[in-house]
Amino acid sequence: MTDERDDGSNKKSILVAFITVVLFLGVNFVAVKFSNQELQPFWGASLRFIIASIILFSIARIRNIALPNGRALIGAALFGLFSFAINFGFLYWALTRVSAGMASVMFASIPLITLLMASMLGMERLTWRGMLGAVIVIGGLSLVFAEQLRFDIPFTYLAAVLIAVVSAAASGIVVKYFPRSHPIATNVIGMAVAAVLLLILSMISGETRGLPTLTPTWLALGWLVTSSIVGFVLIVWILARWTATATSYIGVLTPLVTVAAASVLAGEKPTSTFLIGGLFVLVGVYVGALSSQTSTTRIKP
């Protein structure tokens, strides 16, 4: 009886964590747009992770959380490379031209991409549903891409979002593949790696670097740092209990938050073509990656 109550409590805790991450990540796309209005993209991303990694390291020291070593350290560093450095490096740059809603819809394809990657590595099984879902997602993204190109958004910026999506999907695989360490410790290493790499990229690209001077930029940066500390620690925590594909349900729900937040805060108005394309993406992800995941999303004992 106690075990059943504990299991129910764990499920509720994971659900709360899941919803929290969806809210944080959904608003993140809009916050990055505000950050980019004053801070150049690679520097803005680097500053975010410099602050977040310092705060997380302080928390780890206060709580006597050991940093990973051996293969776990390699896994944490690779997690930082894919989840933060490549993902946000490309995303920050792309969001100088691409709308927040557009980026979030493309990120909704993460569950399907995660499933395809996991199946190639033998971690999960690919079925005919996965192939059908991929076709539907490609159709939806084609609609969204066509509209963005009509608005004179260069294809290179759309491609940058796709690279960010694939990198974010790969980060979930990395967490499942390598030995686990404490979520805070994993993110300390990952964000520190990303902060250094993004700072180097900022210097190479000749960006100007400085602290924000505008209140909206400070608010956006504060949100993004908080999201990095809370949201990504919770993602690693959830990944320890769910499959990589099941955890990536997060990406399917974030566009709902992003489109609402972008409409209210940034004045973005989605067109009917965008909404239809986004709906195709969500349907394709459900068919290809989520409808067959009922048995694999159960919490591990």
C-alpha atoms as a PDB file:
ATOM      1  CA  MET A   1       0.000   0.000   0.000  1.00  0.00           C
ATOM      2  CA  THR A   2       2.803   2.410   0.857  1.00  0.00           C
ATOM      3  CA  ASP A   3       4.524   1.724  -2.444  1.00  0.00           C
ATOM      4  CA  GLU A   4       1.329   2.571  -4.349  1.00  0.00           C
ATOM      5  CA  ARG A   5       0.948   5.859  -2.487  1.00  0.00           C
ATOM      6  CA  ASP A   6       4.602   6.670  -3.115  1.00  0.00           C
ATOM      7  CA  ASP A   7       4.168   5.846  -6.806  1.00  0.00           C
ATOM      8  CA  GLY A   8       1.167   8.190  -7.013  1.00  0.00           C
ATOM      9  CA  SER A   9       3.128  10.922  -5.276  1.00  0.00           C
ATOM     10  CA  ASN A  10       6.010  10.465  -7.721  1.00  0.00           C
ATOM     11  CA  LYS A  11       3.647  10.720 -10.680  1.00  0.00           C
ATOM     12  CA  LYS A  12       2.190  13.966  -9.321  1.00  0.00           C
ATOM     13  CA  SER A  13       5.682  15.373  -8.721  1.00  0.00           C
ATOM     14  CA  ILE A  14       6.751  14.557 -12.270  1.00  0.00           C
ATOM     15  CA  LEU A  15       3.541  16.058 -13.676  1.00  0.00           C
ATOM     16  CA  VAL A  16       4.147  19.311 -11.755  1.00  0.00           C
ATOM     17  CA  ALA A  17       7.754  19.357 -12.984  1.00  0.00           C
ATOM     18  CA  PHE A  18       6.582  18.675 -16.535  1.00  0.00           C
ATOM     19  CA  ILE A  19       4.071  21.558 -16.527  1.00  0.00           C
ATOM     20  CA  THR A  20       6.655  23.901 -15.003  1.00  0.00           C
ATOM     21  CA  VAL A  21       9.136  23.112 -17.763  1.00  0.00           C
ATOM     22  CA  VAL A  22       6.493  23.632 -20.467  1.00  0.00           C
ATOM     23  CA  LEU A  23       5.674  27.101 -19.105  1.00  0.00           C
ATOM     24  CA  PHE A  24       9.312  28.133 -18.794  1.00  0.00           C
ATOM     25  CA  LEU A  25      10.367  26.873 -22.210  1.00  0.00           C
ATOM     26  CA  GLY A  26       7.263  28.228 -23.898  1.00  0.00           C
ATOM     27  CA  VAL A  27       7.988  31.785 -22.756  1.00  0.00           C
ATOM     28  CA  ASN A  28      11.720  31.365 -23.416  1.00  0.00           C
ATOM     29  CA  PHE A  29      11.317  31.893 -27.171  1.00  0.00           C
ATOM     30  CA  VAL A  30       9.734  35.297 -26.533  1.00  0.00           C
ATOM     31  CA  ALA A  31      12.309  36.190 -23.875  1.00  0.00           C
ATOM     32  CA  VAL A  32      15.136  35.477 -26.332  1.00  0.00           C
ATOM     33  CA  LYS A  33      13.507  37.855 -28.837  1.00  0.00           C
ATOM     34  CA  PHE A  34      13.586  40.604 -26.185  1.00  0.00           C
ATOM     35  CA  SER A  35      17.179  39.739 -25.262  1.00  0.00           C
ATOM     36  CA  ASN A  36      18.211  40.001 -28.915  1.00  0.00           C
ATOM     37  CA  GLN A  37      16.828  43.526 -29.148  1.00  0.00           C
ATOM     38  CA  GLU A  38      19.782  44.805 -27.099  1.00  0.00           C
ATOM     39  CA  LEU A  39      22.308  41.977 -26.682  1.00  0.00           C
ATOM     40  CA  GLN A  40      23.946  40.373 -29.681  1.00  0.00           C
ATOM     41  CA  PRO A  41      22.843  36.728 -29.956  1.00  0.00           C
ATOM     42  CA  PHE A  42      25.948  34.693 -29.058  1.00  0.00           C
ATOM     43  CA  TRP A  43      26.885  37.082 -26.255  1.00  0.00           C
ATOM     44  CA  GLY A  44      23.312  37.088 -24.926  1.00  0.00           C
ATOM     45  CA  ALA A  45      23.286  33.289 -24.817  1.00  0.00           C
ATOM     46  CA  SER A  46      26.753  33.150 -23.232  1.00  0.00           C
ATOM     47  CA  LEU A  47      25.846  35.727 -20.561  1.00  0.00           C
ATOM     48  CA  ARG A  48      22.748  33.720 -19.706  1.00  0.00           C
ATOM     49  CA  PHE A  49      24.730  30.543 -19.093  1.00  0.00           C
ATOM     50  CA  ILE A  50      27.615  32.296 -17.336  1.00  0.00           C
ATOM     51  CA  ILE A  51      25.200  33.603 -14.706  1.00  0.00           C
ATOM     52  CA  ALA A  52      23.198  30.374 -14.507  1.00  0.00           C
ATOM     53  CA  SER A  53      26.269  28.134 -14.165  1.00  0.00           C
ATOM     54  CA  ILE A  54      27.710  30.304 -11.375  1.00  0.00           C
ATOM     55  CA  ILE A  55      24.417  30.179  -9.451  1.00  0.00           C
ATOM     56  CA  LEU A  56      24.071  26.424  -9.955  1.00  0.00           C
ATOM     57  CA  PHE A  57      27.690  25.828  -8.894  1.00  0.00           C
ATOM     58  CA  SER A  58      27.036  27.818  -5.707  1.00  0.00           C
ATOM     59  CA  ILE A  59      23.940  25.717  -5.001  1.00  0.00           C
ATOM     60  CA  ALA A  60      25.944  22.522  -5.614  1.00  0.00           C
ATOM     61  CA  ARG A  61      28.638  23.634  -3.160  1.00  0.00           C
ATOM     62  CA  ILE A  62      26.142  24.638  -0.472  1.00  0.00           C
ATOM     63  CA  ARG A  63      24.323  21.302  -0.787  1.00  0.00           C
ATOM     64  CA  ASN A  64      27.567  19.304  -1.094  1.00  0.00           C
ATOM     65  CA  ILE A  65      26.539  17.901  -4.468  1.00  0.00           C
ATOM     66  CA  ALA A  66      29.485  16.160  -6.112  1.00  0.00           C
ATOM     67  CA  LEU A  67      30.296  17.093  -9.680  1.00  0.00           C
ATOM     68  CA  PRO A  68      30.353  14.216 -12.193  1.00  0.00           C
ATOM     69  CA  ASN A  69      33.552  12.426 -13.146  1.00  0.00           C
ATOM     70  CA  GLY A  70      34.609   9.743 -15.609  1.00  0.00           C
ATOM     71  CA  ARG A  71      31.992   8.850 -18.219  1.00  0.00           C
ATOM     72  CA  ALA A  72      29.380  10.864 -16.324  1.00  0.00           C
ATOM     73  CA  LEU A  73      31.551  13.974 -16.792  1.00  0.00           C
ATOM     74  CA  ILE A  74      31.835  13.243 -20.521  1.00  0.00           C
ATOM     75  CA  GLY A  75      28.057  12.848 -20.688  1.00  0.00           C
ATOM     76  CA  ALA A  76      27.476  16.140 -18.847  1.00  0.00           C
ATOM     77  CA  ALA A  77      29.882  17.962 -21.166  1.00  0.00           C
ATOM     78  CA  LEU A  78      28.189  16.506 -24.257  1.00  0.00           C
ATOM     79  CA  PHE A  79      24.803  17.423 -22.783  1.00  0.00           C
ATOM     80  CA  GLY A  80      26.051  21.002 -22.519  1.00  0.00           C
ATOM     81  CA  LEU A  81      27.380  20.921 -26.071  1.00  0.00           C
ATOM     82  CA  PHE A  82      24.103  19.723 -27.606  1.00  0.00           C
ATOM     83  CA  SER A  83      21.479  21.134 -25.219  1.00  0.00           C
ATOM     84  CA  PHE A  84      22.997  24.570 -24.633  1.00  0.00           C
ATOM     85  CA  ALA A  85      25.913  25.492 -26.910  1.00  0.00           C
ATOM     86  CA  ILE A  86      24.722  24.254 -30.316  1.00  0.00           C
ATOM     87  CA  ASN A  87      21.012  24.449 -29.560  1.00  0.00           C
ATOM     88  CA  PHE A  88      20.937  27.978 -28.161  1.00  0.00           C
ATOM     89  CA  GLY A  89      23.781  29.290 -30.283  1.00  0.00           C
ATOM     90  CA  PHE A  90      21.794  28.584 -33.437  1.00  0.00           C
ATOM     91  CA  LEU A  91      18.440  29.445 -31.846  1.00  0.00           C
ATOM     92  CA  TYR A  92      19.503  32.872 -30.521  1.00  0.00           C
ATOM     93  CA  TRP A  93      20.957  33.745 -33.924  1.00  0.00           C
ATOM     94  CA  ALA A  94      17.875  32.488 -35.798  1.00  0.00           C
ATOM     95  CA  LEU A  95      15.497  34.430 -33.546  1.00  0.00           C
ATOM     96  CA  THR A  96      16.983  37.685 -34.790  1.00  0.00           C
ATOM     97  CA  ARG A  97      14.816  37.075 -37.868  1.00  0.00           C
ATOM     98  CA  VAL A  98      12.473  34.132 -37.199  1.00  0.00           C
ATOM     99  CA  SER A  99       9.339  34.649 -35.096  1.00  0.00           C
ATOM    100  CA  ALA A 100       9.082  33.078 -31.644  1.00  0.00           C
ATOM    101  CA  GLY A 101       5.959  31.159 -32.667  1.00  0.00           C
ATOM    102  CA  MET A 102       7.649  29.760 -35.769  1.00  0.00           C
ATOM    103  CA  ALA A 103      10.653  28.541 -33.771  1.00  0.00           C
ATOM    104  CA  SER A 104       8.468  26.896 -31.138  1.00  0.00           C
ATOM    105  CA  VAL A 105       6.459  25.000 -33.770  1.00  0.00           C
ATOM    106  CA  MET A 106       9.663  23.650 -35.282  1.00  0.00           C
ATOM    107  CA  PHE A 107      10.812  22.594 -31.803  1.00  0.00           C
ATOM    108  CA  ALA A 108       7.553  20.660 -31.458  1.00  0.00           C
ATOM    109  CA  SER A 109       9.080  18.075 -33.803  1.00  0.00           C
ATOM    110  CA  ILE A 110      11.656  17.108 -31.136  1.00  0.00           C
ATOM    111  CA  PRO A 111       9.736  13.980 -29.960  1.00  0.00           C
ATOM    112  CA  LEU A 112       9.739  12.525 -33.470  1.00  0.00           C
ATOM    113  CA  ILE A 113      13.396  13.368 -34.082  1.00  0.00           C
ATOM    114  CA  THR A 114      14.252  11.912 -30.674  1.00  0.00           C
ATOM    115  CA  LEU A 115      12.408   8.709 -31.559  1.00  0.00           C
ATOM    116  CA  LEU A 116      14.249   8.424 -34.882  1.00  0.00           C
ATOM    117  CA  MET A 117      17.606   8.941 -33.167  1.00  0.00           C
ATOM    118  CA  ALA A 118      16.792   6.542 -30.333  1.00  0.00           C
ATOM    119  CA  SER A 119      15.692   3.877 -32.810  1.00  0.00           C
ATOM    120  CA  MET A 120      18.938   4.176 -34.770  1.00  0.00           C
ATOM    121  CA  LEU A 121      20.859   3.642 -31.529  1.00  0.00           C
ATOM    122  CA  GLY A 122      18.672   0.689 -30.547  1.00  0.00           C
ATOM    123  CA  MET A 123      17.293   2.516 -27.484  1.00  0.00           C
ATOM    124  CA  GLU A 124      13.678   2.582 -28.722  1.00  0.00           C
ATOM    125  CA  ARG A 125      11.733   0.832 -31.474  1.00  0.00           C
ATOM    126  CA  LEU A 126      10.664   2.563 -34.690  1.00  0.00           C
ATOM    127  CA  THR A 127       7.288   1.493 -36.104  1.00  0.00           C
ATOM    128  CA  TRP A 128       5.213   2.313 -39.168  1.00  0.00           C
ATOM    129  CA  ARG A 129       3.572   5.030 -37.057  1.00  0.00           C
ATOM    130  CA  GLY A 130       6.940   6.733 -36.762  1.00  0.00           C
ATOM    131  CA  MET A 131       7.382   6.792 -40.520  1.00  0.00           C
ATOM    132  CA  LEU A 132       3.839   8.069 -41.098  1.00  0.00           C
ATOM    133  CA  GLY A 133       4.327  10.747 -38.451  1.00  0.00           C
ATOM    134  CA  ALA A 134       7.546  11.864 -40.125  1.00  0.00           C
ATOM    135  CA  VAL A 135       5.710  12.362 -43.421  1.00  0.00           C
ATOM    136  CA  ILE A 136       2.972  14.435 -41.737  1.00  0.00           C
ATOM    137  CA  VAL A 137       5.515  16.560 -39.841  1.00  0.00           C
ATOM    138  CA  ILE A 138       7.475  17.231 -43.036  1.00  0.00           C
ATOM    139  CA  GLY A 139       4.237  18.352 -44.689  1.00  0.00           C
ATOM    140  CA  GLY A 140       3.431  20.716 -41.824  1.00  0.00           C
ATOM    141  CA  LEU A 141       6.934  22.177 -41.708  1.00  0.00           C
ATOM    142  CA  SER A 142       6.834  22.670 -45.477  1.00  0.00           C
ATOM    143  CA  LEU A 143       3.736  24.839 -45.105  1.00  0.00           C
ATOM    144  CA  VAL A 144       5.329  26.882 -42.332  1.00  0.00           C
ATOM    145  CA  PHE A 145       8.610  27.189 -44.238  1.00  0.00           C
ATOM    146  CA  ALA A 146       6.831  28.325 -47.410  1.00  0.00           C
ATOM    147  CA  GLU A 147       5.038  31.057 -45.492  1.00  0.00           C
ATOM    148  CA  GLN A 148       8.199  32.269 -43.784  1.00  0.00           C
ATOM    149  CA  LEU A 149      10.033  32.424 -47.112  1.00  0.00           C
ATOM    150  CA  ARG A 150       7.136  34.475 -48.472  1.00  0.00           C
ATOM    151  CA  PHE A 151       7.831  36.926 -45.640  1.00  0.00           C
ATOM    152  CA  ASP A 152      11.453  37.189 -46.855  1.00  0.00           C
ATOM    153  CA  ILE A 153      12.883  35.179 -43.968  1.00  0.00           C
ATOM    154  CA  PRO A 154      16.174  33.761 -45.365  1.00  0.00           C
ATOM    155  CA  PHE A 155      16.277  29.964 -45.480  1.00  0.00           C
ATOM    156  CA  THR A 156      19.558  29.991 -43.536  1.00  0.00           C
ATOM    157  CA  TYR A 157      17.713  31.231 -40.443  1.00  0.00           C
ATOM    158  CA  LEU A 158      15.098  28.499 -40.771  1.00  0.00           C
ATOM    159  CA  ALA A 159      17.875  25.937 -41.232  1.00  0.00           C
ATOM    160  CA  ALA A 160      19.519  27.266 -38.068  1.00  0.00           C
ATOM    161  CA  VAL A 161      16.348  26.494 -36.101  1.00  0.00           C
ATOM    162  CA  LEU A 162      16.311  22.965 -37.546  1.00  0.00           C
ATOM    163  CA  ILE A 163      19.916  22.434 -36.432  1.00  0.00           C
ATOM    164  CA  ALA A 164      18.957  23.658 -32.968  1.00  0.00           C
ATOM    165  CA  VAL A 165      16.026  21.220 -32.906  1.00  0.00           C
ATOM    166  CA  VAL A 166      18.191  18.241 -33.865  1.00  0.00           C
ATOM    167  CA  SER A 167      20.795  19.235 -31.278  1.00  0.00           C
ATOM    168  CA  ALA A 168      18.156  19.540 -28.556  1.00  0.00           C
ATOM    169  CA  ALA A 169      16.846  16.076 -29.451  1.00  0.00           C
ATOM    170  CA  ALA A 170      20.380  14.665 -29.298  1.00  0.00           C
ATOM    171  CA  SER A 171      20.838  16.056 -25.785  1.00  0.00           C
ATOM    172  CA  GLY A 172      18.045  13.836 -24.466  1.00  0.00           C
ATOM    173  CA  ILE A 173      19.722  10.798 -25.985  1.00  0.00           C
ATOM    174  CA  VAL A 174      23.015  11.768 -24.344  1.00  0.00           C
ATOM    175  CA  VAL A 175      21.422  11.940 -20.899  1.00  0.00           C
ATOM    176  CA  LYS A 176      19.917   8.466 -21.337  1.00  0.00           C
ATOM    177  CA  TYR A 177      23.120   6.957 -22.798  1.00  0.00           C
ATOM    178  CA  PHE A 178      25.740   8.110 -20.289  1.00  0.00           C
ATOM    179  CA  PRO A 179      25.868   7.380 -16.524  1.00  0.00           C
ATOM    180  CA  ARG A 180      23.634   9.706 -14.530  1.00  0.00           C
ATOM    181  CA  SER A 181      24.774  12.320 -12.058  1.00  0.00           C
ATOM    182  CA  HIS A 182      22.750  14.740  -9.946  1.00  0.00           C
ATOM    183  CA  PRO A 183      20.635  17.017 -12.222  1.00  0.00           C
ATOM    184  CA  ILE A 184      22.186  20.142 -10.713  1.00  0.00           C
ATOM    185  CA  ALA A 185      25.713  18.774 -11.194  1.00  0.00           C
ATOM    186  CA  THR A 186      24.958  17.790 -14.796  1.00  0.00           C
ATOM    187  CA  ASN A 187      23.713  21.283 -15.580  1.00  0.00           C
ATOM    188  CA  VAL A 188      26.653  22.977 -13.835  1.00  0.00           C
ATOM    189  CA  ILE A 189      29.038  21.240 -16.211  1.00  0.00           C
ATOM    190  CA  GLY A 190      26.769  21.543 -19.240  1.00  0.00           C
ATOM    191  CA  MET A 191      26.090  25.262 -18.828  1.00  0.00           C
ATOM    192  CA  ALA A 192      29.732  26.050 -18.043  1.00  0.00           C
ATOM    193  CA  VAL A 193      30.807  24.283 -21.246  1.00  0.00           C
ATOM    194  CA  ALA A 194      28.173  26.172 -23.239  1.00  0.00           C
ATOM    195  CA  ALA A 195      29.069  29.531 -21.658  1.00  0.00           C
ATOM    196  CA  VAL A 196      32.726  29.151 -22.686  1.00  0.00           C
ATOM    197  CA  LEU A 197      31.968  27.931 -26.223  1.00  0.00           C
ATOM    198  CA  LEU A 198      29.383  30.651 -26.850  1.00  0.00           C
ATOM    199  CA  LEU A 199      31.730  33.322 -25.477  1.00  0.00           C
ATOM    200  CA  ILE A 200      34.460  32.152 -27.853  1.00  0.00           C
ATOM    201  CA  LEU A 201      31.953  32.215 -30.726  1.00  0.00           C
ATOM    202  CA  SER A 202      30.911  35.746 -29.726  1.00  0.00           C
ATOM    203  CA  MET A 203      34.541  36.891 -29.778  1.00  0.00           C
ATOM    204  CA  ILE A 204      35.259  35.228 -33.137  1.00  0.00           C
ATOM    205  CA  SER A 205      32.175  36.793 -34.720  1.00  0.00           C
ATOM    206  CA  GLY A 206      33.180  40.259 -33.489  1.00  0.00           C
ATOM    207  CA  GLU A 207      30.140  40.915 -31.331  1.00  0.00           C
ATOM    208  CA  THR A 208      30.069  43.795 -28.877  1.00  0.00           C
ATOM    209  CA  ARG A 209      29.696  42.600 -25.305  1.00  0.00           C
ATOM    210  CA  GLY A 210      28.257  44.438 -22.335  1.00  0.00           C
ATOM    211  CA  LEU A 211      25.534  44.313 -19.719  1.00  0.00           C
ATOM    212  CA  PRO A 212      21.939  45.297 -20.582  1.00  0.00           C
ATOM    213  CA  THR A 213      20.833  48.885 -20.089  1.00  0.00           C
ATOM    214  CA  LEU A 214      17.121  48.484 -20.804  1.00  0.00           C
ATOM    215  CA  THR A 215      14.589  47.191 -18.278  1.00  0.00           C
ATOM    216  CA  PRO A 216      12.904  44.754 -20.748  1.00  0.00           C
ATOM    217  CA  THR A 217      16.308  43.203 -21.497  1.00  0.00           C
ATOM    218  CA  TRP A 218      17.080  42.725 -17.794  1.00  0.00           C
ATOM    219  CA  LEU A 219      13.649  41.155 -17.275  1.00  0.00           C
ATOM    220  CA  ALA A 220      14.186  38.835 -20.249  1.00  0.00           C
ATOM    221  CA  LEU A 221      17.664  37.883 -19.031  1.00  0.00           C
ATOM    222  CA  GLY A 222      16.337  37.246 -15.527  1.00  0.00           C
ATOM    223  CA  TRP A 223      13.621  34.992 -16.914  1.00  0.00           C
ATOM    224  CA  LEU A 224      16.088  33.087 -19.100  1.00  0.00           C
ATOM    225  CA  VAL A 225      18.550  32.561 -16.231  1.00  0.00           C
ATOM    226  CA  THR A 226      15.757  31.355 -13.951  1.00  0.00           C
ATOM    227  CA  SER A 227      14.505  29.075 -16.705  1.00  0.00           C
ATOM    228  CA  SER A 228      18.007  27.651 -17.142  1.00  0.00           C
ATOM    229  CA  ILE A 229      18.307  26.913 -13.430  1.00  0.00           C
ATOM    230  CA  VAL A 230      14.812  25.542 -12.851  1.00  0.00           C
ATOM    231  CA  GLY A 231      13.689  24.272 -16.246  1.00  0.00           C
ATOM    232  CA  PHE A 232      16.743  22.345 -17.374  1.00  0.00           C
ATOM    233  CA  VAL A 233      17.443  20.847 -13.957  1.00  0.00           C
ATOM    234  CA  LEU A 234      13.864  19.546 -14.016  1.00  0.00           C
ATOM    235  CA  ILE A 235      14.349  18.177 -17.557  1.00  0.00           C
ATOM    236  CA  VAL A 236      17.335  16.097 -16.439  1.00  0.00           C
ATOM    237  CA  TRP A 237      15.345  14.976 -13.393  1.00  0.00           C
ATOM    238  CA  ILE A 238      12.394  13.921 -15.590  1.00  0.00           C
ATOM    239  CA  LEU A 239      14.710  12.126 -18.044  1.00  0.00           C
ATOM    240  CA  ALA A 240      15.866   9.913 -15.174  1.00  0.00           C
ATOM    241  CA  ARG A 241      12.269   8.704 -14.784  1.00  0.00           C
ATOM    242  CA  TRP A 242      10.825   8.732 -18.307  1.00  0.00           C
ATOM    243  CA  THR A 243      12.083   7.692 -21.743  1.00  0.00           C
ATOM    244  CA  ALA A 244      13.785  10.346 -23.891  1.00  0.00           C
ATOM    245  CA  THR A 245      10.825  10.335 -26.294  1.00  0.00           C
ATOM    246  CA  ALA A 246       8.227  10.620 -23.517  1.00  0.00           C
ATOM    247  CA  THR A 247      10.101  13.527 -21.927  1.00  0.00           C
ATOM    248  CA  SER A 248      10.135  15.307 -25.268  1.00  0.00           C
ATOM    249  CA  TYR A 249       6.339  15.687 -25.003  1.00  0.00           C
ATOM    250  CA  ILE A 250       7.457  19.030 -23.554  1.00  0.00           C
ATOM    251  CA  GLY A 251       8.282  20.255 -27.038  1.00  0.00           C
ATOM    252  CA  VAL A 252       4.777  19.507 -28.299  1.00  0.00           C
ATOM    253  CA  LEU A 253       3.077  21.677 -25.698  1.00  0.00           C
ATOM    254  CA  THR A 254       5.454  24.653 -25.668  1.00  0.00           C
ATOM    255  CA  PRO A 255       4.087  26.180 -28.925  1.00  0.00           C
ATOM    256  CA  LEU A 256       0.722  26.708 -27.212  1.00  0.00           C
ATOM    257  CA  VAL A 257       2.453  28.775 -24.524  1.00  0.00           C
ATOM    258  CA  THR A 258       4.774  30.517 -26.992  1.00  0.00           C
ATOM    259  CA  VAL A 259       2.067  31.623 -29.417  1.00  0.00           C
ATOM    260  CA  ALA A 260      -0.022  33.023 -26.551  1.00  0.00           C
ATOM    261  CA  ALA A 261       2.948  34.786 -24.947  1.00  0.00           C
ATOM    262  CA  ALA A 262       4.231  36.121 -28.281  1.00  0.00           C
ATOM    263  CA  SER A 263       0.783  37.508 -29.091  1.00  0.00           C
ATOM    264  CA  VAL A 264       0.504  39.321 -25.756  1.00  0.00           C
ATOM    265  CA  LEU A 265       4.123  40.411 -25.198  1.00  0.00           C
ATOM    266  CA  ALA A 266       5.610  40.747 -28.697  1.00  0.00           C
ATOM    267  CA  GLY A 267       2.569  41.472 -30.859  1.00  0.00           C
ATOM    268  CA  GLU A 268       3.068  38.408 -33.075  1.00  0.00           C
ATOM    269  CA  LYS A 269      -0.149  37.442 -34.858  1.00  0.00           C
ATOM    270  CA  PRO A 270      -0.185  33.903 -36.276  1.00  0.00           C
ATOM    271  CA  THR A 271      -1.628  33.525 -39.789  1.00  0.00           C
ATOM    272  CA  SER A 272      -4.029  30.790 -40.841  1.00  0.00           C
ATOM    273  CA  THR A 273      -1.293  29.075 -42.902  1.00  0.00           C
ATOM    274  CA  PHE A 274       1.016  29.070 -39.887  1.00  0.00           C
ATOM    275  CA  LEU A 275      -1.696  27.588 -37.672  1.00  0.00           C
ATOM    276  CA  ILE A 276      -2.559  24.888 -40.219  1.00  0.00           C
ATOM    277  CA  GLY A 277       1.121  23.986 -40.665  1.00  0.00           C
ATOM    278  CA  GLY A 278       1.608  23.945 -36.905  1.00  0.00           C
ATOM    279  CA  LEU A 279      -1.409  21.671 -36.495  1.00  0.00           C
ATOM    280  CA  PHE A 280       0.065  19.247 -39.046  1.00  0.00           C
ATOM    281  CA  VAL A 281       3.320  19.195 -37.071  1.00  0.00           C
ATOM    282  CA  LEU A 282       1.530  18.426 -33.814  1.00  0.00           C
ATOM    283  CA  VAL A 283      -0.610  15.701 -35.439  1.00  0.00           C
ATOM    284  CA  GLY A 284       2.457  14.168 -37.053  1.00  0.00           C
ATOM    285  CA  VAL A 285       4.353  14.153 -33.766  1.00  0.00           C
ATOM    286  CA  TYR A 286       1.409  12.531 -32.007  1.00  0.00           C
ATOM    287  CA  VAL A 287       1.016   9.842 -34.666  1.00  0.00           C
ATOM    288  CA  GLY A 288       4.728   9.177 -35.039  1.00  0.00           C
ATOM    289  CA  ALA A 289       6.091   9.466 -31.527  1.00  0.00           C
ATOM    290  CA  LEU A 290       3.427   9.818 -28.879  1.00  0.00           C
ATOM    291  CA  SER A 291       0.459   7.574 -29.636  1.00  0.00           C
ATOM    292  CA  SER A 292       2.567   4.446 -29.203  1.00  0.00           C
ATOM    293  CA  GLN A 293       4.363   5.659 -26.070  1.00  0.00           C
ATOM    294  CA  THR A 294       1.691   4.824 -23.502  1.00  0.00           C
ATOM    295  CA  SER A 295       3.563   1.831 -22.145  1.00  0.00           C
ATOM    296  CA  THR A 296       6.992   3.482 -22.236  1.00  0.00           C
ATOM    297  CA  THR A 297       6.069   6.633 -20.369  1.00  0.00           C
ATOM    298  CA  ARG A 298       5.473   4.849 -17.106  1.00  0.00           C
ATOM    299  CA  ILE A 299       7.672   5.880 -14.252  1.00  0.00           C
ATOM    300  CA  LYS A 300      10.534   3.571 -13.567  1.00  0.00           C
ATOM    301  CA  PRO A 301      10.387   1.969 -10.102  1.00  0.00           C
END
